[in-house]
Amino acid sequence: HLRRQGGGTIVNVNSEAGLRASAKSGAAYAVSKFGLTGL
């Protein structure tokens, strides 16, 4: 839909855990947020 309209914005609400893992965030959360950074 965005391509057909010629543009648009996607915002992914990530986390500090998407930049640096920590025991506070846990493994699954960190993996998911690092993946969101890559997306």
All heavy atoms as atom14 arrays in JSON, in Angstrom:
{
  "sequence": "HLRRQGGGTIVNVNSEAGLRASAKSGAAYAVSKFGLTGL",
  "atom14_mask": [
    [1, 1, 1, 1, 1, 1, 1, 1, 1, 1, 0, 0, 0, 0],
    [1, 1, 1, 1, 1, 1, 1, 1, 0, 0, 0, 0, 0, 0],
    [1, 1, 1, 1, 1, 1, 1, 1, 1, 1, 1, 0, 0, 0],
    [1, 1, 1, 1, 1, 1, 1, 1, 1, 1, 1, 0, 0, 0],
    [1, 1, 1, 1, 1, 1, 1, 1, 1, 0, 0, 0, 0, 0],
    [1, 1, 1, 1, 0, 0, 0, 0, 0, 0, 0, 0, 0, 0],
    [1, 1, 1, 1, 0, 0, 0, 0, 0, 0, 0, 0, 0, 0],
    [1, 1, 1, 1, 0, 0, 0, 0, 0, 0, 0, 0, 0, 0],
    [1, 1, 1, 1, 1, 1, 1, 0, 0, 0, 0, 0, 0, 0],
    [1, 1, 1, 1, 1, 1, 1, 1, 0, 0, 0, 0, 0, 0],
    [1, 1, 1, 1, 1, 1, 1, 0, 0, 0, 0, 0, 0, 0],
    [1, 1, 1, 1, 1, 1, 1, 1, 0, 0, 0, 0, 0, 0],
    [1, 1, 1, 1, 1, 1, 1, 0, 0, 0, 0, 0, 0, 0],
    [1, 1, 1, 1, 1, 1, 1, 1, 0, 0, 0, 0, 0, 0],
    [1, 1, 1, 1, 1, 1, 0, 0, 0, 0, 0, 0, 0, 0],
    [1, 1, 1, 1, 1, 1, 1, 1, 1, 0, 0, 0, 0, 0],
    [1, 1, 1, 1, 1, 0, 0, 0, 0, 0, 0, 0, 0, 0],
    [1, 1, 1, 1, 0, 0, 0, 0, 0, 0, 0, 0, 0, 0],
    [1, 1, 1, 1, 1, 1, 1, 1, 0, 0, 0, 0, 0, 0],
    [1, 1, 1, 1, 1, 1, 1, 1, 1, 1, 1, 0, 0, 0],
    [1, 1, 1, 1, 1, 0, 0, 0, 0, 0, 0, 0, 0, 0],
    [1, 1, 1, 1, 1, 1, 0, 0, 0, 0, 0, 0, 0, 0],
    [1, 1, 1, 1, 1, 0, 0, 0, 0, 0, 0, 0, 0, 0],
    [1, 1, 1, 1, 1, 1, 1, 1, 1, 0, 0, 0, 0, 0],
    [1, 1, 1, 1, 1, 1, 0, 0, 0, 0, 0, 0, 0, 0],
    [1, 1, 1, 1, 0, 0, 0, 0, 0, 0, 0, 0, 0, 0],
    [1, 1, 1, 1, 1, 0, 0, 0, 0, 0, 0, 0, 0, 0],
    [1, 1, 1, 1, 1, 0, 0, 0, 0, 0, 0, 0, 0, 0],
    [1, 1, 1, 1, 1, 1, 1, 1, 1, 1, 1, 1, 0, 0],
    [1, 1, 1, 1, 1, 0, 0, 0, 0, 0, 0, 0, 0, 0],
    [1, 1, 1, 1, 1, 1, 1, 0, 0, 0, 0, 0, 0, 0],
    [1, 1, 1, 1, 1, 1, 0, 0, 0, 0, 0, 0, 0, 0],
    [1, 1, 1, 1, 1, 1, 1, 1, 1, 0, 0, 0, 0, 0],
    [1, 1, 1, 1, 1, 1, 1, 1, 1, 1, 1, 0, 0, 0],
    [1, 1, 1, 1, 0, 0, 0, 0, 0, 0, 0, 0, 0, 0],
    [1, 1, 1, 1, 1, 1, 1, 1, 0, 0, 0, 0, 0, 0],
    [1, 1, 1, 1, 1, 1, 1, 0, 0, 0, 0, 0, 0, 0],
    [1, 1, 1, 1, 0, 0, 0, 0, 0, 0, 0, 0, 0, 0],
    [1, 1, 1, 1, 1, 1, 1, 1, 0, 0, 0, 0, 0, 0]
  ],
  "atom14_positions": [
    [[0.83, -1.21, 0.0], [0.0, 0.0, 0.0], [0.87, 1.26, 0.0], [0.56, 2.23, -0.7], [-0.92, 0.0, 1.22], [-1.88, -1.15, 1.25], [-2.97, -1.24, 0.41], [-1.91, -2.27, 2.02], [-3.63, -2.36, 0.65], [-3.01, -3.01, 1.63], [0.0, 0.0, 0.0], [0.0, 0.0, 0.0], [0.0, 0.0, 0.0], [0.0, 0.0, 0.0]],
    [[1.94, 1.25, 0.78], [2.82, 2.41, 0.82], [3.53, 2.61, -0.51], [3.7, 3.74, -0.98], [3.84, 2.25, 1.95], [3.3, 2.11, 3.38], [4.46, 2.1, 4.38], [2.33, 3.24, 3.71], [0.0, 0.0, 0.0], [0.0, 0.0, 0.0], [0.0, 0.0, 0.0], [0.0, 0.0, 0.0], [0.0, 0.0, 0.0], [0.0, 0.0, 0.0]],
    [[3.94, 1.51, -1.13], [4.59, 1.63, -2.44], [3.65, 2.24, -3.47], [4.05, 3.12, -4.25], [5.05, 0.24, -2.91], [6.19, -0.36, -2.09], [6.66, -1.66, -2.72], [7.55, -2.42, -1.85], [7.27, -3.61, -1.37], [6.12, -4.22, -1.67], [8.13, -4.23, -0.57], [0.0, 0.0, 0.0], [0.0, 0.0, 0.0], [0.0, 0.0, 0.0]],
    [[2.4, 1.78, -3.48], [1.44, 2.31, -4.46], [1.17, 3.8, -4.23], [0.94, 4.55, -5.19], [0.13, 1.52, -4.39], [0.19, 0.17, -5.08], [-1.2, -0.41, -5.29], [-1.85, -0.73, -4.02], [-1.75, -1.91, -3.41], [-1.02, -2.87, -3.95], [-2.39, -2.13, -2.28], [0.0, 0.0, 0.0], [0.0, 0.0, 0.0], [0.0, 0.0, 0.0]],
    [[1.21, 4.23, -2.97], [0.97, 5.64, -2.66], [2.2, 6.5, -2.87], [2.12, 7.73, -2.84], [0.5, 5.78, -1.21], [-0.94, 5.4, -1.01], [-1.43, 5.61, 0.4], [-2.47, 5.12, 0.76], [-0.71, 6.37, 1.22], [0.0, 0.0, 0.0], [0.0, 0.0, 0.0], [0.0, 0.0, 0.0], [0.0, 0.0, 0.0], [0.0, 0.0, 0.0]],
    [[3.35, 5.87, -3.04], [4.57, 6.62, -3.27], [5.33, 7.01, -2.03], [6.21, 7.86, -2.08], [0.0, 0.0, 0.0], [0.0, 0.0, 0.0], [0.0, 0.0, 0.0], [0.0, 0.0, 0.0], [0.0, 0.0, 0.0], [0.0, 0.0, 0.0], [0.0, 0.0, 0.0], [0.0, 0.0, 0.0], [0.0, 0.0, 0.0], [0.0, 0.0, 0.0]],
    [[5.03, 6.37, -0.9], [5.79, 6.66, 0.31], [5.01, 6.41, 1.58], [3.81, 6.12, 1.55], [0.0, 0.0, 0.0], [0.0, 0.0, 0.0], [0.0, 0.0, 0.0], [0.0, 0.0, 0.0], [0.0, 0.0, 0.0], [0.0, 0.0, 0.0], [0.0, 0.0, 0.0], [0.0, 0.0, 0.0], [0.0, 0.0, 0.0], [0.0, 0.0, 0.0]],
    [[5.71, 6.54, 2.69], [5.1, 6.36, 4.0], [6.17, 6.1, 5.04], [7.36, 6.05, 4.74], [0.0, 0.0, 0.0], [0.0, 0.0, 0.0], [0.0, 0.0, 0.0], [0.0, 0.0, 0.0], [0.0, 0.0, 0.0], [0.0, 0.0, 0.0], [0.0, 0.0, 0.0], [0.0, 0.0, 0.0], [0.0, 0.0, 0.0], [0.0, 0.0, 0.0]],
    [[5.73, 5.95, 6.28], [6.66, 5.81, 7.4], [6.28, 4.59, 8.23], [5.1, 4.37, 8.53], [6.63, 7.06, 8.3], [6.86, 8.22, 7.51], [7.7, 6.97, 9.38], [0.0, 0.0, 0.0], [0.0, 0.0, 0.0], [0.0, 0.0, 0.0], [0.0, 0.0, 0.0], [0.0, 0.0, 0.0], [0.0, 0.0, 0.0], [0.0, 0.0, 0.0]],
    [[7.29, 3.83, 8.62], [7.12, 2.7, 9.53], [7.97, 2.97, 10.77], [9.17, 3.24, 10.65], [7.53, 1.38, 8.88], [6.61, 1.07, 7.69], [7.5, 0.24, 9.89], [7.07, -0.1, 6.84], [0.0, 0.0, 0.0], [0.0, 0.0, 0.0], [0.0, 0.0, 0.0], [0.0, 0.0, 0.0], [0.0, 0.0, 0.0], [0.0, 0.0, 0.0]],
    [[7.35, 2.94, 11.93], [8.07, 3.12, 13.19], [7.96, 1.84, 14.01], [6.84, 1.38, 14.29], [7.54, 4.31, 14.0], [8.36, 4.47, 15.29], [7.59, 5.59, 13.19], [0.0, 0.0, 0.0], [0.0, 0.0, 0.0], [0.0, 0.0, 0.0], [0.0, 0.0, 0.0], [0.0, 0.0, 0.0], [0.0, 0.0, 0.0], [0.0, 0.0, 0.0]],
    [[9.09, 1.28, 14.36], [9.13, 0.09, 15.21], [9.55, 0.51, 16.61], [10.65, 1.04, 16.8], [10.12, -0.93, 14.64], [9.66, -1.5, 13.31], [8.48, -1.78, 13.13], [10.58, -1.67, 12.38], [0.0, 0.0, 0.0], [0.0, 0.0, 0.0], [0.0, 0.0, 0.0], [0.0, 0.0, 0.0], [0.0, 0.0, 0.0], [0.0, 0.0, 0.0]],
    [[8.64, 0.33, 17.57], [8.97, 0.63, 18.97], [9.83, -0.51, 19.48], [9.34, -1.61, 19.74], [7.71, 0.82, 19.82], [8.09, 1.1, 21.26], [6.86, 1.97, 19.26], [0.0, 0.0, 0.0], [0.0, 0.0, 0.0], [0.0, 0.0, 0.0], [0.0, 0.0, 0.0], [0.0, 0.0, 0.0], [0.0, 0.0, 0.0], [0.0, 0.0, 0.0]],
    [[11.1, -0.25, 19.58], [12.1, -1.25, 19.93], [12.37, -1.2, 21.43], [11.44, -1.08, 22.23], [13.36, -0.99, 19.09], [14.21, -2.23, 18.89], [14.6, -2.9, 19.83], [14.53, -2.51, 17.64], [0.0, 0.0, 0.0], [0.0, 0.0, 0.0], [0.0, 0.0, 0.0], [0.0, 0.0, 0.0], [0.0, 0.0, 0.0], [0.0, 0.0, 0.0]],
    [[13.61, -1.24, 21.84], [14.0, -1.23, 23.25], [15.5, -1.06, 23.3], [16.22, -1.38, 22.34], [13.6, -2.55, 23.93], [14.24, -2.7, 25.18], [0.0, 0.0, 0.0], [0.0, 0.0, 0.0], [0.0, 0.0, 0.0], [0.0, 0.0, 0.0], [0.0, 0.0, 0.0], [0.0, 0.0, 0.0], [0.0, 0.0, 0.0], [0.0, 0.0, 0.0]],
    [[16.0, -0.59, 24.44], [17.45, -0.62, 24.65], [18.0, -2.01, 24.45], [19.16, -2.19, 24.05], [17.79, -0.14, 26.07], [17.82, 1.36, 26.25], [18.38, 1.73, 27.6], [17.87, 1.22, 28.62], [19.35, 2.53, 27.64], [0.0, 0.0, 0.0], [0.0, 0.0, 0.0], [0.0, 0.0, 0.0], [0.0, 0.0, 0.0], [0.0, 0.0, 0.0]],
    [[17.16, -3.02, 24.71], [17.59, -4.41, 24.53], [17.84, -4.75, 23.07], [18.47, -5.76, 22.78], [16.55, -5.35, 25.11], [0.0, 0.0, 0.0], [0.0, 0.0, 0.0], [0.0, 0.0, 0.0], [0.0, 0.0, 0.0], [0.0, 0.0, 0.0], [0.0, 0.0, 0.0], [0.0, 0.0, 0.0], [0.0, 0.0, 0.0], [0.0, 0.0, 0.0]],
    [[17.38, -3.9, 22.15], [17.67, -4.09, 20.74], [19.03, -3.55, 20.33], [19.44, -3.71, 19.18], [0.0, 0.0, 0.0], [0.0, 0.0, 0.0], [0.0, 0.0, 0.0], [0.0, 0.0, 0.0], [0.0, 0.0, 0.0], [0.0, 0.0, 0.0], [0.0, 0.0, 0.0], [0.0, 0.0, 0.0], [0.0, 0.0, 0.0], [0.0, 0.0, 0.0]],
    [[19.72, -2.92, 21.28], [21.08, -2.42, 21.06], [22.11, -3.16, 21.9], [23.24, -3.37, 21.48], [21.16, -0.92, 21.39], [20.34, 0.01, 20.52], [20.34, 1.41, 21.1], [20.88, 0.02, 19.08], [0.0, 0.0, 0.0], [0.0, 0.0, 0.0], [0.0, 0.0, 0.0], [0.0, 0.0, 0.0], [0.0, 0.0, 0.0], [0.0, 0.0, 0.0]],
    [[21.7, -3.54, 23.12], [22.6, -4.25, 24.01], [21.77, -5.16, 24.92], [20.86, -4.71, 25.61], [23.4, -3.26, 24.87], [24.42, -3.93, 25.81], [25.22, -2.88, 26.56], [26.02, -2.07, 25.66], [27.22, -2.42, 25.2], [27.76, -3.58, 25.56], [27.89, -1.62, 24.39], [0.0, 0.0, 0.0], [0.0, 0.0, 0.0], [0.0, 0.0, 0.0]],
    [[22.11, -6.43, 24.91], [21.38, -7.39, 25.74], [21.74, -7.21, 27.21], [22.8, -6.69, 27.55], [21.71, -8.81, 25.29], [0.0, 0.0, 0.0], [0.0, 0.0, 0.0], [0.0, 0.0, 0.0], [0.0, 0.0, 0.0], [0.0, 0.0, 0.0], [0.0, 0.0, 0.0], [0.0, 0.0, 0.0], [0.0, 0.0, 0.0], [0.0, 0.0, 0.0]],
    [[20.82, -7.63, 28.06], [21.06, -7.56, 29.51], [20.27, -8.66, 30.19], [19.3, -9.2, 29.63], [20.64, -6.2, 30.07], [19.23, -6.08, 30.05], [0.0, 0.0, 0.0], [0.0, 0.0, 0.0], [0.0, 0.0, 0.0], [0.0, 0.0, 0.0], [0.0, 0.0, 0.0], [0.0, 0.0, 0.0], [0.0, 0.0, 0.0], [0.0, 0.0, 0.0]],
    [[20.69, -8.99, 31.41], [19.95, -9.98, 32.19], [18.54, -9.48, 32.49], [17.61, -10.28, 32.63], [20.7, -10.3, 33.48], [0.0, 0.0, 0.0], [0.0, 0.0, 0.0], [0.0, 0.0, 0.0], [0.0, 0.0, 0.0], [0.0, 0.0, 0.0], [0.0, 0.0, 0.0], [0.0, 0.0, 0.0], [0.0, 0.0, 0.0], [0.0, 0.0, 0.0]],
    [[18.38, -8.17, 32.6], [17.07, -7.6, 32.9], [16.06, -7.91, 31.8], [14.9, -8.22, 32.07], [17.18, -6.08, 33.09], [15.87, -5.4, 33.39], [16.07, -3.91, 33.66], [16.45, -3.15, 32.41], [16.49, -1.68, 32.64], [0.0, 0.0, 0.0], [0.0, 0.0, 0.0], [0.0, 0.0, 0.0], [0.0, 0.0, 0.0], [0.0, 0.0, 0.0]],
    [[16.49, -7.84, 30.55], [15.56, -8.05, 29.43], [15.33, -9.52, 29.13], [14.24, -9.91, 28.72], [16.08, -7.34, 28.18], [17.34, -7.86, 27.8], [0.0, 0.0, 0.0], [0.0, 0.0, 0.0], [0.0, 0.0, 0.0], [0.0, 0.0, 0.0], [0.0, 0.0, 0.0], [0.0, 0.0, 0.0], [0.0, 0.0, 0.0], [0.0, 0.0, 0.0]],
    [[16.34, -10.34, 29.33], [16.22, -11.76, 29.03], [16.55, -12.08, 27.59], [16.53, -11.21, 26.7], [0.0, 0.0, 0.0], [0.0, 0.0, 0.0], [0.0, 0.0, 0.0], [0.0, 0.0, 0.0], [0.0, 0.0, 0.0], [0.0, 0.0, 0.0], [0.0, 0.0, 0.0], [0.0, 0.0, 0.0], [0.0, 0.0, 0.0], [0.0, 0.0, 0.0]],
    [[16.83, -13.36, 27.34], [17.32, -13.79, 26.03], [16.28, -13.63, 24.92], [16.58, -13.08, 23.85], [17.78, -15.25, 26.1], [0.0, 0.0, 0.0], [0.0, 0.0, 0.0], [0.0, 0.0, 0.0], [0.0, 0.0, 0.0], [0.0, 0.0, 0.0], [0.0, 0.0, 0.0], [0.0, 0.0, 0.0], [0.0, 0.0, 0.0], [0.0, 0.0, 0.0]],
    [[15.06, -14.1, 25.15], [14.05, -14.06, 24.09], [13.74, -12.62, 23.69], [13.61, -12.31, 22.5], [12.77, -14.77, 24.55], [0.0, 0.0, 0.0], [0.0, 0.0, 0.0], [0.0, 0.0, 0.0], [0.0, 0.0, 0.0], [0.0, 0.0, 0.0], [0.0, 0.0, 0.0], [0.0, 0.0, 0.0], [0.0, 0.0, 0.0], [0.0, 0.0, 0.0]],
    [[13.6, -11.75, 24.68], [13.29, -10.35, 24.4], [14.43, -9.7, 23.63], [14.19, -8.99, 22.63], [13.05, -9.63, 25.72], [12.45, -8.25, 25.59], [11.1, -8.08, 25.36], [13.24, -7.1, 25.72], [10.53, -6.81, 25.25], [12.69, -5.84, 25.61], [11.34, -5.7, 25.38], [10.79, -4.45, 25.27], [0.0, 0.0, 0.0], [0.0, 0.0, 0.0]],
    [[15.67, -9.96, 24.03], [16.82, -9.37, 23.34], [16.91, -9.86, 21.91], [17.14, -9.08, 20.98], [18.1, -9.68, 24.1], [0.0, 0.0, 0.0], [0.0, 0.0, 0.0], [0.0, 0.0, 0.0], [0.0, 0.0, 0.0], [0.0, 0.0, 0.0], [0.0, 0.0, 0.0], [0.0, 0.0, 0.0], [0.0, 0.0, 0.0], [0.0, 0.0, 0.0]],
    [[16.72, -11.15, 21.71], [16.77, -11.7, 20.35], [15.69, -11.05, 19.48], [15.94, -10.66, 18.34], [16.59, -13.23, 20.38], [16.36, -13.77, 18.98], [17.83, -13.89, 21.0], [0.0, 0.0, 0.0], [0.0, 0.0, 0.0], [0.0, 0.0, 0.0], [0.0, 0.0, 0.0], [0.0, 0.0, 0.0], [0.0, 0.0, 0.0], [0.0, 0.0, 0.0]],
    [[14.49, -10.92, 20.03], [13.39, -10.33, 19.25], [13.67, -8.87, 18.91], [13.38, -8.42, 17.8], [12.07, -10.46, 20.01], [12.03, -9.63, 21.16], [0.0, 0.0, 0.0], [0.0, 0.0, 0.0], [0.0, 0.0, 0.0], [0.0, 0.0, 0.0], [0.0, 0.0, 0.0], [0.0, 0.0, 0.0], [0.0, 0.0, 0.0], [0.0, 0.0, 0.0]],
    [[14.25, -8.14, 19.84], [14.49, -6.71, 19.61], [15.7, -6.48, 18.71], [15.7, -5.53, 17.92], [14.64, -5.99, 20.95], [13.35, -5.96, 21.77], [12.2, -5.27, 21.03], [10.97, -5.12, 21.9], [9.87, -4.4, 21.22], [0.0, 0.0, 0.0], [0.0, 0.0, 0.0], [0.0, 0.0, 0.0], [0.0, 0.0, 0.0], [0.0, 0.0, 0.0]],
    [[16.73, -7.32, 18.81], [17.82, -7.23, 17.85], [17.3, -7.51, 16.44], [17.7, -6.85, 15.47], [18.94, -8.21, 18.21], [20.03, -7.63, 19.05], [19.85, -7.43, 20.42], [21.24, -7.27, 18.5], [20.85, -6.9, 21.21], [22.26, -6.73, 19.27], [22.06, -6.54, 20.64], [0.0, 0.0, 0.0], [0.0, 0.0, 0.0], [0.0, 0.0, 0.0]],
    [[16.4, -8.47, 16.31], [15.8, -8.75, 15.02], [15.0, -7.57, 14.5], [15.02, -7.27, 13.29], [0.0, 0.0, 0.0], [0.0, 0.0, 0.0], [0.0, 0.0, 0.0], [0.0, 0.0, 0.0], [0.0, 0.0, 0.0], [0.0, 0.0, 0.0], [0.0, 0.0, 0.0], [0.0, 0.0, 0.0], [0.0, 0.0, 0.0], [0.0, 0.0, 0.0]],
    [[14.3, -6.88, 15.39], [13.52, -5.71, 14.99], [14.44, -4.59, 14.5], [14.09, -3.84, 13.57], [12.67, -5.24, 16.17], [11.53, -4.27, 15.87], [10.56, -4.86, 14.86], [10.8, -3.9, 17.16], [0.0, 0.0, 0.0], [0.0, 0.0, 0.0], [0.0, 0.0, 0.0], [0.0, 0.0, 0.0], [0.0, 0.0, 0.0], [0.0, 0.0, 0.0]],
    [[15.61, -4.46, 15.11], [16.6, -3.5, 14.64], [17.01, -3.82, 13.2], [17.07, -2.93, 12.33], [17.84, -3.51, 15.54], [17.46, -3.18, 16.88], [18.89, -2.52, 15.06], [0.0, 0.0, 0.0], [0.0, 0.0, 0.0], [0.0, 0.0, 0.0], [0.0, 0.0, 0.0], [0.0, 0.0, 0.0], [0.0, 0.0, 0.0], [0.0, 0.0, 0.0]],
    [[17.26, -5.09, 12.93], [17.63, -5.5, 11.57], [16.51, -5.29, 10.58], [16.75, -4.9, 9.43], [0.0, 0.0, 0.0], [0.0, 0.0, 0.0], [0.0, 0.0, 0.0], [0.0, 0.0, 0.0], [0.0, 0.0, 0.0], [0.0, 0.0, 0.0], [0.0, 0.0, 0.0], [0.0, 0.0, 0.0], [0.0, 0.0, 0.0], [0.0, 0.0, 0.0]],
    [[15.27, -5.53, 11.01], [14.13, -5.31, 10.12], [14.02, -3.84, 9.73], [13.81, -3.51, 8.56], [12.86, -5.78, 10.81], [11.54, -5.54, 10.05], [11.55, -6.25, 8.7], [10.35, -5.97, 10.9], [0.0, 0.0, 0.0], [0.0, 0.0, 0.0], [0.0, 0.0, 0.0], [0.0, 0.0, 0.0], [0.0, 0.0, 0.0], [0.0, 0.0, 0.0]]
  ]
}
